[in-house]
């Protein structure tokens, strides 16, 4: 079975930085796109950033210039470097991995930005 495991969440102050990591393992086929979604209380889950195997990236408008997504294809690992964090970035962040046989979700990691 495919496992998707996130790490790196935590509590920090506004303006701080954090790096999230996610590793997908167990797939017989190559992982294509990987990405990060987030869900805040009372809101729908939304795409934060995604990256293809070839390195093409997409970002949600509010995080452009602050967040950077990257990956290591050989390890099916994706990272999200988060700088200049704001309280509105507070959410559970979920990793997503896509293969030809389907998509897989991690269980989420909490990020709280507060003074």
PDB file of N, CA and C in Angstrom:
ATOM      1  N   UNK A   1       0.826  -1.169   0.000  1.00  0.00           N
ATOM      2  CA  UNK A   1       0.000   0.000   0.000  1.00  0.00           C
ATOM      3  C   UNK A   1       0.879   1.244   0.000  1.00  0.00           C
ATOM      4  N   UNK A   2       0.320   2.318  -0.493  1.00  0.00           N
ATOM      5  CA  UNK A   2       1.034   3.578  -0.537  1.00  0.00           C
ATOM      6  C   UNK A   2       0.822   4.327   0.769  1.00  0.00           C
ATOM      7  N   UNK A   3       1.908   4.814   1.323  1.00  0.00           N
ATOM      8  CA  UNK A   3       1.847   5.603   2.539  1.00  0.00           C
ATOM      9  C   UNK A   3       2.360   7.005   2.255  1.00  0.00           C
ATOM     10  N   UNK A   4       1.686   7.983   2.809  1.00  0.00           N
ATOM     11  CA  UNK A   4       2.074   9.375   2.678  1.00  0.00           C
ATOM     12  C   UNK A   4       2.189   9.937   4.083  1.00  0.00           C
ATOM     13  N   UNK A   5       3.374  10.378   4.454  1.00  0.00           N
ATOM     14  CA  UNK A   5       3.633  10.813   5.814  1.00  0.00           C
ATOM     15  C   UNK A   5       4.215  12.216   5.822  1.00  0.00           C
ATOM     16  N   UNK A   6       3.553  13.125   6.548  1.00  0.00           N
ATOM     17  CA  UNK A   6       4.015  14.492   6.679  1.00  0.00           C
ATOM     18  C   UNK A   6       4.721  14.698   8.012  1.00  0.00           C
ATOM     19  N   UNK A   7       5.568  15.707   8.043  1.00  0.00           N
ATOM     20  CA  UNK A   7       6.216  16.093   9.279  1.00  0.00           C
ATOM     21  C   UNK A   7       6.632  17.560   9.184  1.00  0.00           C
ATOM     22  N   UNK A   8       6.930  18.153  10.327  1.00  0.00           N
ATOM     23  CA  UNK A   8       7.451  19.511  10.344  1.00  0.00           C
ATOM     24  C   UNK A   8       6.506  20.576  10.843  1.00  0.00           C
ATOM     25  N   UNK A   9       5.284  20.217  11.158  1.00  0.00           N
ATOM     26  CA  UNK A   9       4.350  21.200  11.673  1.00  0.00           C
ATOM     27  C   UNK A   9       4.711  21.632  13.080  1.00  0.00           C
ATOM     28  N   UNK A  10       4.064  22.695  13.531  1.00  0.00           N
ATOM     29  CA  UNK A  10       4.332  23.180  14.870  1.00  0.00           C
ATOM     30  C   UNK A  10       3.729  24.536  15.129  1.00  0.00           C
ATOM     31  N   UNK A  11       4.107  25.101  16.259  1.00  0.00           N
ATOM     32  CA  UNK A  11       3.637  26.412  16.692  1.00  0.00           C
ATOM     33  C   UNK A  11       4.768  27.421  16.566  1.00  0.00           C
ATOM     34  N   UNK A  12       4.487  28.549  15.942  1.00  0.00           N
ATOM     35  CA  UNK A  12       5.491  29.593  15.805  1.00  0.00           C
ATOM     36  C   UNK A  12       4.834  30.956  15.697  1.00  0.00           C
ATOM     37  N   UNK A  13       5.637  31.994  15.824  1.00  0.00           N
ATOM     38  CA  UNK A  13       5.141  33.363  15.798  1.00  0.00           C
ATOM     39  C   UNK A  13       5.039  33.913  14.383  1.00  0.00           C
ATOM     40  N   UNK A  14       4.193  34.926  14.184  1.00  0.00           N
ATOM     41  CA  UNK A  14       4.122  35.559  12.868  1.00  0.00           C
ATOM     42  C   UNK A  14       5.488  36.042  12.403  1.00  0.00           C
ATOM     43  N   UNK A  15       5.749  35.875  11.122  1.00  0.00           N
ATOM     44  CA  UNK A  15       7.032  36.246  10.558  1.00  0.00           C
ATOM     45  C   UNK A  15       8.053  35.139  10.584  1.00  0.00           C
ATOM     46  N   UNK A  16       7.749  34.064  11.260  1.00  0.00           N
ATOM     47  CA  UNK A  16       8.662  32.948  11.359  1.00  0.00           C
ATOM     48  C   UNK A  16       8.675  32.082  10.117  1.00  0.00           C
ATOM     49  N   UNK A  17       9.547  31.078  10.141  1.00  0.00           N
ATOM     50  CA  UNK A  17       9.705  30.169   9.015  1.00  0.00           C
ATOM     51  C   UNK A  17       9.584  28.729   9.475  1.00  0.00           C
ATOM     52  N   UNK A  18       9.155  27.891   8.558  1.00  0.00           N
ATOM     53  CA  UNK A  18       8.950  26.483   8.857  1.00  0.00           C
ATOM     54  C   UNK A  18       9.089  25.694   7.569  1.00  0.00           C
ATOM     55  N   UNK A  19       9.600  24.483   7.669  1.00  0.00           N
ATOM     56  CA  UNK A  19       9.663  23.611   6.509  1.00  0.00           C
ATOM     57  C   UNK A  19       8.914  22.320   6.781  1.00  0.00           C
ATOM     58  N   UNK A  20       7.953  22.036   5.929  1.00  0.00           N
ATOM     59  CA  UNK A  20       7.211  20.792   6.002  1.00  0.00           C
ATOM     60  C   UNK A  20       7.829  19.770   5.057  1.00  0.00           C
ATOM     61  N   UNK A  21       7.792  18.518   5.461  1.00  0.00           N
ATOM     62  CA  UNK A  21       8.301  17.434   4.640  1.00  0.00           C
ATOM     63  C   UNK A  21       7.226  16.375   4.466  1.00  0.00           C
ATOM     64  N   UNK A  22       7.262  15.709   3.331  1.00  0.00           N
ATOM     65  CA  UNK A  22       6.312  14.647   3.060  1.00  0.00           C
ATOM     66  C   UNK A  22       6.981  13.591   2.200  1.00  0.00           C
ATOM     67  N   UNK A  23       6.833  12.341   2.589  1.00  0.00           N
ATOM     68  CA  UNK A  23       7.390  11.233   1.830  1.00  0.00           C
ATOM     69  C   UNK A  23       6.292  10.243   1.468  1.00  0.00           C
ATOM     70  N   UNK A  24       6.245   9.867   0.212  1.00  0.00           N
ATOM     71  CA  UNK A  24       5.322   8.855  -0.275  1.00  0.00           C
ATOM     72  C   UNK A  24       6.108   7.586  -0.571  1.00  0.00           C
ATOM     73  N   UNK A  25       5.619   6.470  -0.103  1.00  0.00           N
ATOM     74  CA  UNK A  25       6.327   5.211  -0.294  1.00  0.00           C
ATOM     75  C   UNK A  25       5.355   4.077  -0.592  1.00  0.00           C
ATOM     76  N   UNK A  26       5.875   3.020  -1.208  1.00  0.00           N
ATOM     77  CA  UNK A  26       5.086   1.825  -1.450  1.00  0.00           C
ATOM     78  C   UNK A  26       4.385   1.745  -2.789  1.00  0.00           C
ATOM     79  N   UNK A  27       4.556   2.720  -3.645  1.00  0.00           N
ATOM     80  CA  UNK A  27       3.892   2.713  -4.943  1.00  0.00           C
ATOM     81  C   UNK A  27       4.685   1.897  -5.959  1.00  0.00           C
ATOM     82  N   UNK A  28       3.980   1.047  -6.713  1.00  0.00           N
ATOM     83  CA  UNK A  28       4.612   0.300  -7.785  1.00  0.00           C
ATOM     84  C   UNK A  28       4.948   1.191  -8.970  1.00  0.00           C
ATOM     85  N   UNK A  29       4.253   2.273  -9.092  1.00  0.00           N
ATOM     86  CA  UNK A  29       4.444   3.191 -10.194  1.00  0.00           C
ATOM     87  C   UNK A  29       4.973   4.512  -9.686  1.00  0.00           C
ATOM     88  N   UNK A  30       5.536   5.265 -10.590  1.00  0.00           N
ATOM     89  CA  UNK A  30       6.113   6.545 -10.227  1.00  0.00           C
ATOM     90  C   UNK A  30       5.054   7.507  -9.719  1.00  0.00           C
ATOM     91  N   UNK A  31       5.447   8.270  -8.715  1.00  0.00           N
ATOM     92  CA  UNK A  31       4.599   9.349  -8.243  1.00  0.00           C
ATOM     93  C   UNK A  31       4.766  10.516  -9.204  1.00  0.00           C
ATOM     94  N   UNK A  32       3.661  11.026  -9.675  1.00  0.00           N
ATOM     95  CA  UNK A  32       3.707  12.129 -10.628  1.00  0.00           C
ATOM     96  C   UNK A  32       3.731  13.467  -9.885  1.00  0.00           C
ATOM     97  N   UNK A  33       2.593  14.083  -9.732  1.00  0.00           N
ATOM     98  CA  UNK A  33       2.549  15.343  -9.000  1.00  0.00           C
ATOM     99  C   UNK A  33       2.435  15.100  -7.501  1.00  0.00           C
ATOM    100  N   UNK A  34       3.026  15.980  -6.735  1.00  0.00           N
ATOM    101  CA  UNK A  34       2.864  15.992  -5.294  1.00  0.00           C
ATOM    102  C   UNK A  34       2.521  17.416  -4.882  1.00  0.00           C
ATOM    103  N   UNK A  35       1.828  17.536  -3.777  1.00  0.00           N
ATOM    104  CA  UNK A  35       1.451  18.873  -3.374  1.00  0.00           C
ATOM    105  C   UNK A  35       1.021  18.972  -1.936  1.00  0.00           C
ATOM    106  N   UNK A  36       0.741  20.190  -1.545  1.00  0.00           N
ATOM    107  CA  UNK A  36       0.284  20.498  -0.203  1.00  0.00           C
ATOM    108  C   UNK A  36      -1.062  21.199  -0.254  1.00  0.00           C
ATOM    109  N   UNK A  37      -1.965  20.737   0.572  1.00  0.00           N
ATOM    110  CA  UNK A  37      -3.253  21.368   0.771  1.00  0.00           C
ATOM    111  C   UNK A  37      -3.353  21.772   2.232  1.00  0.00           C
ATOM    112  N   UNK A  38      -4.281  22.654   2.535  1.00  0.00           N
ATOM    113  CA  UNK A  38      -4.499  23.017   3.926  1.00  0.00           C
ATOM    114  C   UNK A  38      -5.983  23.224   4.186  1.00  0.00           C
ATOM    115  N   UNK A  39      -6.352  23.025   5.432  1.00  0.00           N
ATOM    116  CA  UNK A  39      -7.726  23.219   5.840  1.00  0.00           C
ATOM    117  C   UNK A  39      -7.761  23.891   7.207  1.00  0.00           C
ATOM    118  N   UNK A  40      -8.352  25.068   7.240  1.00  0.00           N
ATOM    119  CA  UNK A  40      -8.534  25.804   8.477  1.00  0.00           C
ATOM    120  C   UNK A  40      -9.931  25.531   9.012  1.00  0.00           C
ATOM    121  N   UNK A  41     -10.149  25.737  10.312  1.00  0.00           N
ATOM    122  CA  UNK A  41     -11.479  25.511  10.885  1.00  0.00           C
ATOM    123  C   UNK A  41     -12.557  26.298  10.155  1.00  0.00           C
ATOM    124  N   UNK A  42     -13.629  25.624   9.789  1.00  0.00           N
ATOM    125  CA  UNK A  42     -14.732  26.271   9.118  1.00  0.00           C
ATOM    126  C   UNK A  42     -14.527  26.543   7.645  1.00  0.00           C
ATOM    127  N   UNK A  43     -13.417  26.097   7.099  1.00  0.00           N
ATOM    128  CA  UNK A  43     -13.128  26.333   5.693  1.00  0.00           C
ATOM    129  C   UNK A  43     -12.905  25.020   4.954  1.00  0.00           C
ATOM    130  N   UNK A  44     -13.035  25.098   3.641  1.00  0.00           N
ATOM    131  CA  UNK A  44     -12.778  23.932   2.811  1.00  0.00           C
ATOM    132  C   UNK A  44     -11.281  23.738   2.620  1.00  0.00           C
ATOM    133  N   UNK A  45     -10.920  22.512   2.334  1.00  0.00           N
ATOM    134  CA  UNK A  45      -9.533  22.234   2.031  1.00  0.00           C
ATOM    135  C   UNK A  45      -9.155  22.918   0.719  1.00  0.00           C
ATOM    136  N   UNK A  46      -8.006  23.564   0.705  1.00  0.00           N
ATOM    137  CA  UNK A  46      -7.579  24.287  -0.473  1.00  0.00           C
ATOM    138  C   UNK A  46      -6.147  23.923  -0.854  1.00  0.00           C
ATOM    139  N   UNK A  47      -5.869  24.050  -2.125  1.00  0.00           N
ATOM    140  CA  UNK A  47      -4.522  23.801  -2.618  1.00  0.00           C
ATOM    141  C   UNK A  47      -3.604  24.936  -2.203  1.00  0.00           C
ATOM    142  N   UNK A  48      -2.455  24.593  -1.662  1.00  0.00           N
ATOM    143  CA  UNK A  48      -1.439  25.564  -1.306  1.00  0.00           C
ATOM    144  C   UNK A  48      -0.367  25.617  -2.385  1.00  0.00           C
ATOM    145  N   UNK A  49       0.169  24.475  -2.729  1.00  0.00           N
ATOM    146  CA  UNK A  49       1.213  24.388  -3.743  1.00  0.00           C
ATOM    147  C   UNK A  49       1.303  22.959  -4.256  1.00  0.00           C
ATOM    148  N   UNK A  50       1.727  22.819  -5.494  1.00  0.00           N
ATOM    149  CA  UNK A  50       1.949  21.508  -6.061  1.00  0.00           C
ATOM    150  C   UNK A  50       3.146  21.555  -6.987  1.00  0.00           C
ATOM    151  N   UNK A  51       3.731  20.403  -7.228  1.00  0.00           N
ATOM    152  CA  UNK A  51       4.892  20.317  -8.093  1.00  0.00           C
ATOM    153  C   UNK A  51       4.849  19.007  -8.860  1.00  0.00           C
ATOM    154  N   UNK A  52       5.135  19.070 -10.149  1.00  0.00           N
ATOM    155  CA  UNK A  52       5.173  17.881 -10.979  1.00  0.00           C
ATOM    156  C   UNK A  52       6.548  17.234 -10.912  1.00  0.00           C
ATOM    157  N   UNK A  53       6.669  16.046 -11.483  1.00  0.00           N
ATOM    158  CA  UNK A  53       7.951  15.359 -11.509  1.00  0.00           C
ATOM    159  C   UNK A  53       8.994  16.169 -12.265  1.00  0.00           C
ATOM    160  N   UNK A  54       8.543  16.905 -13.275  1.00  0.00           N
ATOM    161  CA  UNK A  54       9.459  17.703 -14.072  1.00  0.00           C
ATOM    162  C   UNK A  54       9.825  19.029 -13.417  1.00  0.00           C
ATOM    163  N   UNK A  55       9.158  19.367 -12.325  1.00  0.00           N
ATOM    164  CA  UNK A  55       9.499  20.570 -11.600  1.00  0.00           C
ATOM    165  C   UNK A  55       8.578  21.756 -11.796  1.00  0.00           C
ATOM    166  N   UNK A  56       7.517  21.593 -12.540  1.00  0.00           N
ATOM    167  CA  UNK A  56       6.556  22.675 -12.713  1.00  0.00           C
ATOM    168  C   UNK A  56       5.775  22.888 -11.420  1.00  0.00           C
ATOM    169  N   UNK A  57       5.674  24.125 -10.996  1.00  0.00           N
ATOM    170  CA  UNK A  57       5.023  24.436  -9.729  1.00  0.00           C
ATOM    171  C   UNK A  57       3.803  25.321  -9.911  1.00  0.00           C
ATOM    172  N   UNK A  58       2.905  25.223  -8.960  1.00  0.00           N
ATOM    173  CA  UNK A  58       1.735  26.080  -8.882  1.00  0.00           C
ATOM    174  C   UNK A  58       1.521  26.466  -7.429  1.00  0.00           C
ATOM    175  N   UNK A  59       1.135  27.715  -7.196  1.00  0.00           N
ATOM    176  CA  UNK A  59       0.920  28.210  -5.849  1.00  0.00           C
ATOM    177  C   UNK A  59      -0.417  28.926  -5.730  1.00  0.00           C
ATOM    178  N   UNK A  60      -1.010  28.813  -4.559  1.00  0.00           N
ATOM    179  CA  UNK A  60      -2.162  29.620  -4.232  1.00  0.00           C
ATOM    180  C   UNK A  60      -1.688  31.072  -4.111  1.00  0.00           C
ATOM    181  N   UNK A  61      -2.514  32.005  -4.534  1.00  0.00           N
ATOM    182  CA  UNK A  61      -2.086  33.393  -4.625  1.00  0.00           C
ATOM    183  C   UNK A  61      -1.551  33.967  -3.311  1.00  0.00           C
ATOM    184  N   UNK A  62      -2.164  33.627  -2.206  1.00  0.00           N
ATOM    185  CA  UNK A  62      -1.786  34.230  -0.937  1.00  0.00           C
ATOM    186  C   UNK A  62      -0.423  33.776  -0.422  1.00  0.00           C
ATOM    187  N   UNK A  63       0.121  32.708  -0.985  1.00  0.00           N
ATOM    188  CA  UNK A  63       1.406  32.207  -0.505  1.00  0.00           C
ATOM    189  C   UNK A  63       2.542  32.469  -1.485  1.00  0.00           C
ATOM    190  N   UNK A  64       2.233  33.009  -2.640  1.00  0.00           N
ATOM    191  CA  UNK A  64       3.269  33.305  -3.629  1.00  0.00           C
ATOM    192  C   UNK A  64       4.286  34.279  -3.048  1.00  0.00           C
ATOM    193  N   UNK A  65       5.548  33.963  -3.237  1.00  0.00           N
ATOM    194  CA  UNK A  65       6.610  34.800  -2.708  1.00  0.00           C
ATOM    195  C   UNK A  65       6.999  34.481  -1.286  1.00  0.00           C
ATOM    196  N   UNK A  66       6.203  33.685  -0.602  1.00  0.00           N
ATOM    197  CA  UNK A  66       6.495  33.314   0.778  1.00  0.00           C
ATOM    198  C   UNK A  66       6.795  31.825   0.925  1.00  0.00           C
ATOM    199  N   UNK A  67       6.080  31.003   0.165  1.00  0.00           N
ATOM    200  CA  UNK A  67       6.257  29.556   0.242  1.00  0.00           C
ATOM    201  C   UNK A  67       6.982  29.052  -1.003  1.00  0.00           C
ATOM    202  N   UNK A  68       7.778  28.021  -0.823  1.00  0.00           N
ATOM    203  CA  UNK A  68       8.465  27.388  -1.936  1.00  0.00           C
ATOM    204  C   UNK A  68       8.328  25.878  -1.820  1.00  0.00           C
ATOM    205  N   UNK A  69       7.845  25.257  -2.882  1.00  0.00           N
ATOM    206  CA  UNK A  69       7.715  23.809  -2.902  1.00  0.00           C
ATOM    207  C   UNK A  69       8.861  23.217  -3.716  1.00  0.00           C
ATOM    208  N   UNK A  70       9.374  22.092  -3.267  1.00  0.00           N
ATOM    209  CA  UNK A  70      10.441  21.401  -3.968  1.00  0.00           C
ATOM    210  C   UNK A  70      10.291  19.906  -3.726  1.00  0.00           C
ATOM    211  N   UNK A  71      11.041  19.108  -4.471  1.00  0.00           N
ATOM    212  CA  UNK A  71      10.932  17.664  -4.298  1.00  0.00           C
ATOM    213  C   UNK A  71      12.223  16.953  -4.649  1.00  0.00           C
ATOM    214  N   UNK A  72      12.343  15.749  -4.124  1.00  0.00           N
ATOM    215  CA  UNK A  72      13.406  14.825  -4.468  1.00  0.00           C
ATOM    216  C   UNK A  72      12.725  13.610  -5.082  1.00  0.00           C
ATOM    217  N   UNK A  73      12.795  13.505  -6.391  1.00  0.00           N
ATOM    218  CA  UNK A  73      12.054  12.467  -7.102  1.00  0.00           C
ATOM    219  C   UNK A  73      12.452  11.048  -6.700  1.00  0.00           C
ATOM    220  N   UNK A  74      13.728  10.814  -6.503  1.00  0.00           N
ATOM    221  CA  UNK A  74      14.205   9.478  -6.180  1.00  0.00           C
ATOM    222  C   UNK A  74      13.620   8.957  -4.874  1.00  0.00           C
ATOM    223  N   UNK A  75      13.269   9.858  -3.979  1.00  0.00           N
ATOM    224  CA  UNK A  75      12.725   9.472  -2.683  1.00  0.00           C
ATOM    225  C   UNK A  75      11.232   9.755  -2.565  1.00  0.00           C
ATOM    226  N   UNK A  76      10.637  10.244  -3.640  1.00  0.00           N
ATOM    227  CA  UNK A  76       9.229  10.642  -3.612  1.00  0.00           C
ATOM    228  C   UNK A  76       8.926  11.509  -2.402  1.00  0.00           C
ATOM    229  N   UNK A  77       9.765  12.485  -2.212  1.00  0.00           N
ATOM    230  CA  UNK A  77       9.652  13.376  -1.084  1.00  0.00           C
ATOM    231  C   UNK A  77       9.437  14.805  -1.565  1.00  0.00           C
ATOM    232  N   UNK A  78       8.529  15.491  -0.917  1.00  0.00           N
ATOM    233  CA  UNK A  78       8.235  16.876  -1.261  1.00  0.00           C
ATOM    234  C   UNK A  78       8.382  17.734  -0.016  1.00  0.00           C
ATOM    235  N   UNK A  79       8.822  18.970  -0.214  1.00  0.00           N
ATOM    236  CA  UNK A  79       9.028  19.903   0.876  1.00  0.00           C
ATOM    237  C   UNK A  79       8.241  21.184   0.622  1.00  0.00           C
ATOM    238  N   UNK A  80       7.896  21.845   1.687  1.00  0.00           N
ATOM    239  CA  UNK A  80       7.277  23.152   1.585  1.00  0.00           C
ATOM    240  C   UNK A  80       7.980  24.085   2.561  1.00  0.00           C
ATOM    241  N   UNK A  81       8.799  24.971   2.024  1.00  0.00           N
ATOM    242  CA  UNK A  81       9.469  25.978   2.831  1.00  0.00           C
ATOM    243  C   UNK A  81       8.521  27.156   2.999  1.00  0.00           C
ATOM    244  N   UNK A  82       8.240  27.492   4.229  1.00  0.00           N
ATOM    245  CA  UNK A  82       7.258  28.522   4.532  1.00  0.00           C
ATOM    246  C   UNK A  82       7.931  29.663   5.280  1.00  0.00           C
ATOM    247  N   UNK A  83       7.991  30.818   4.639  1.00  0.00           N
ATOM    248  CA  UNK A  83       8.589  32.004   5.233  1.00  0.00           C
ATOM    249  C   UNK A  83       7.540  33.083   5.451  1.00  0.00           C
ATOM    250  N   UNK A  84       7.876  34.037   6.290  1.00  0.00           N
ATOM    251  CA  UNK A  84       6.986  35.166   6.575  1.00  0.00           C
ATOM    252  C   UNK A  84       5.581  34.701   6.918  1.00  0.00           C
ATOM    253  N   UNK A  85       5.504  33.768   7.821  1.00  0.00           N
ATOM    254  CA  UNK A  85       4.222  33.166   8.160  1.00  0.00           C
ATOM    255  C   UNK A  85       3.273  34.169   8.807  1.00  0.00           C
ATOM    256  N   UNK A  86       2.011  34.006   8.487  1.00  0.00           N
ATOM    257  CA  UNK A  86       0.952  34.863   8.990  1.00  0.00           C
ATOM    258  C   UNK A  86      -0.059  34.033   9.767  1.00  0.00           C
ATOM    259  N   UNK A  87      -0.816  34.673  10.667  1.00  0.00           N
ATOM    260  CA  UNK A  87      -1.845  33.926  11.396  1.00  0.00           C
ATOM    261  C   UNK A  87      -2.821  33.201  10.481  1.00  0.00           C
ATOM    262  N   UNK A  88      -3.118  33.775   9.328  1.00  0.00           N
ATOM    263  CA  UNK A  88      -4.042  33.137   8.407  1.00  0.00           C
ATOM    264  C   UNK A  88      -3.474  31.887   7.748  1.00  0.00           C
ATOM    265  N   UNK A  89      -2.197  31.617   7.963  1.00  0.00           N
ATOM    266  CA  UNK A  89      -1.602  30.373   7.486  1.00  0.00           C
ATOM    267  C   UNK A  89      -1.899  29.208   8.426  1.00  0.00           C
ATOM    268  N   UNK A  90      -2.488  29.504   9.564  1.00  0.00           N
ATOM    269  CA  UNK A  90      -2.827  28.465  10.527  1.00  0.00           C
ATOM    270  C   UNK A  90      -3.830  27.491   9.925  1.00  0.00           C
ATOM    271  N   UNK A  91      -3.479  26.228   9.923  1.00  0.00           N
ATOM    272  CA  UNK A  91      -4.330  25.197   9.337  1.00  0.00           C
ATOM    273  C   UNK A  91      -3.673  23.841   9.538  1.00  0.00           C
ATOM    274  N   UNK A  92      -4.425  22.814   9.220  1.00  0.00           N
ATOM    275  CA  UNK A  92      -3.841  21.492   9.080  1.00  0.00           C
ATOM    276  C   UNK A  92      -3.384  21.358   7.641  1.00  0.00           C
ATOM    277  N   UNK A  93      -2.137  21.012   7.462  1.00  0.00           N
ATOM    278  CA  UNK A  93      -1.568  20.881   6.135  1.00  0.00           C
ATOM    279  C   UNK A  93      -1.498  19.408   5.751  1.00  0.00           C
ATOM    280  N   UNK A  94      -2.018  19.103   4.567  1.00  0.00           N
ATOM    281  CA  UNK A  94      -2.083  17.739   4.077  1.00  0.00           C
ATOM    282  C   UNK A  94      -1.224  17.569   2.835  1.00  0.00           C
ATOM    283  N   UNK A  95      -0.488  16.495   2.802  1.00  0.00           N
ATOM    284  CA  UNK A  95       0.313  16.159   1.637  1.00  0.00           C
ATOM    285  C   UNK A  95      -0.486  15.260   0.708  1.00  0.00           C
ATOM    286  N   UNK A  96      -0.302  15.458  -0.576  1.00  0.00           N
ATOM    287  CA  UNK A  96      -0.987  14.666  -1.593  1.00  0.00           C
ATOM    288  C   UNK A  96       0.018  14.147  -2.605  1.00  0.00           C
ATOM    289  N   UNK A  97      -0.121  12.884  -2.960  1.00  0.00           N
ATOM    290  CA  UNK A  97       0.741  12.263  -3.955  1.00  0.00           C
ATOM    291  C   UNK A  97      -0.115  11.595  -5.005  1.00  0.00           C
ATOM    292  N   UNK A  98       0.197  11.856  -6.258  1.00  0.00           N
ATOM    293  CA  UNK A  98      -0.598  11.359  -7.371  1.00  0.00           C
ATOM    294  C   UNK A  98       0.196  10.364  -8.202  1.00  0.00           C
ATOM    295  N   UNK A  99      -0.408   9.229  -8.504  1.00  0.00           N
ATOM    296  CA  UNK A  99       0.176   8.243  -9.403  1.00  0.00           C
ATOM    297  C   UNK A  99      -0.848   7.877 -10.463  1.00  0.00           C
ATOM    298  N   UNK A 100      -0.446   7.042 -11.421  1.00  0.00           N
ATOM    299  CA  UNK A 100      -1.363   6.637 -12.484  1.00  0.00           C
ATOM    300  C   UNK A 100      -2.507   5.786 -11.957  1.00  0.00           C
ATOM    301  N   UNK A 101      -2.357   5.218 -10.774  1.00  0.00           N
ATOM    302  CA  UNK A 101      -3.389   4.373 -10.196  1.00  0.00           C
ATOM    303  C   UNK A 101      -4.255   5.090  -9.172  1.00  0.00           C
ATOM    304  N   UNK A 102      -3.985   6.342  -8.933  1.00  0.00           N
ATOM    305  CA  UNK A 102      -4.795   7.084  -7.997  1.00  0.00           C
ATOM    306  C   UNK A 102      -3.999   8.059  -7.162  1.00  0.00           C
ATOM    307  N   UNK A 103      -4.721   8.792  -6.326  1.00  0.00           N
ATOM    308  CA  UNK A 103      -4.102   9.758  -5.455  1.00  0.00           C
ATOM    309  C   UNK A 103      -4.145   9.316  -4.008  1.00  0.00           C
ATOM    310  N   UNK A 104      -3.202   9.814  -3.229  1.00  0.00           N
ATOM    311  CA  UNK A 104      -3.070   9.397  -1.842  1.00  0.00           C
ATOM    312  C   UNK A 104      -2.847  10.610  -0.953  1.00  0.00           C
ATOM    313  N   UNK A 105      -3.453  10.563   0.227  1.00  0.00           N
ATOM    314  CA  UNK A 105      -3.384  11.658   1.176  1.00  0.00           C
ATOM    315  C   UNK A 105      -2.648  11.262   2.439  1.00  0.00           C
ATOM    316  N   UNK A 106      -1.915  12.214   2.973  1.00  0.00           N
ATOM    317  CA  UNK A 106      -1.364  12.049   4.294  1.00  0.00           C
ATOM    318  C   UNK A 106      -2.414  12.378   5.338  1.00  0.00           C
ATOM    319  N   UNK A 107      -2.085  12.164   6.593  1.00  0.00           N
ATOM    320  CA  UNK A 107      -3.033  12.400   7.674  1.00  0.00           C
ATOM    321  C   UNK A 107      -3.031  13.839   8.168  1.00  0.00           C
ATOM    322  N   UNK A 108      -2.085  14.628   7.728  1.00  0.00           N
ATOM    323  CA  UNK A 108      -2.054  16.038   8.061  1.00  0.00           C
ATOM    324  C   UNK A 108      -1.107  16.373   9.194  1.00  0.00           C
ATOM    325  N   UNK A 109      -0.611  17.604   9.173  1.00  0.00           N
ATOM    326  CA  UNK A 109       0.226  18.120  10.238  1.00  0.00           C
ATOM    327  C   UNK A 109      -0.226  19.539  10.569  1.00  0.00           C
ATOM    328  N   UNK A 110      -0.355  19.826  11.844  1.00  0.00           N
ATOM    329  CA  UNK A 110      -0.886  21.115  12.283  1.00  0.00           C
ATOM    330  C   UNK A 110       0.192  22.187  12.261  1.00  0.00           C
ATOM    331  N   UNK A 111      -0.150  23.327  11.678  1.00  0.00           N
ATOM    332  CA  UNK A 111       0.698  24.509  11.715  1.00  0.00           C
ATOM    333  C   UNK A 111      -0.106  25.639  12.353  1.00  0.00           C
ATOM    334  N   UNK A 112       0.405  26.180  13.437  1.00  0.00           N
ATOM    335  CA  UNK A 112      -0.266  27.264  14.138  1.00  0.00           C
ATOM    336  C   UNK A 112       0.655  28.466  14.201  1.00  0.00           C
ATOM    337  N   UNK A 113       0.180  29.597  13.705  1.00  0.00           N
ATOM    338  CA  UNK A 113       0.944  30.838  13.703  1.00  0.00           C
ATOM    339  C   UNK A 113       0.233  31.819  14.617  1.00  0.00           C
ATOM    340  N   UNK A 114       0.853  32.124  15.735  1.00  0.00           N
ATOM    341  CA  UNK A 114       0.216  32.975  16.739  1.00  0.00           C
ATOM    342  C   UNK A 114       1.263  33.619  17.630  1.00  0.00           C
ATOM    343  N   UNK A 115       0.927  34.815  18.132  1.00  0.00           N
ATOM    344  CA  UNK A 115       1.791  35.500  19.086  1.00  0.00           C
ATOM    345  C   UNK A 115       1.600  34.963  20.492  1.00  0.00           C
TER     346      UNK A 115
END
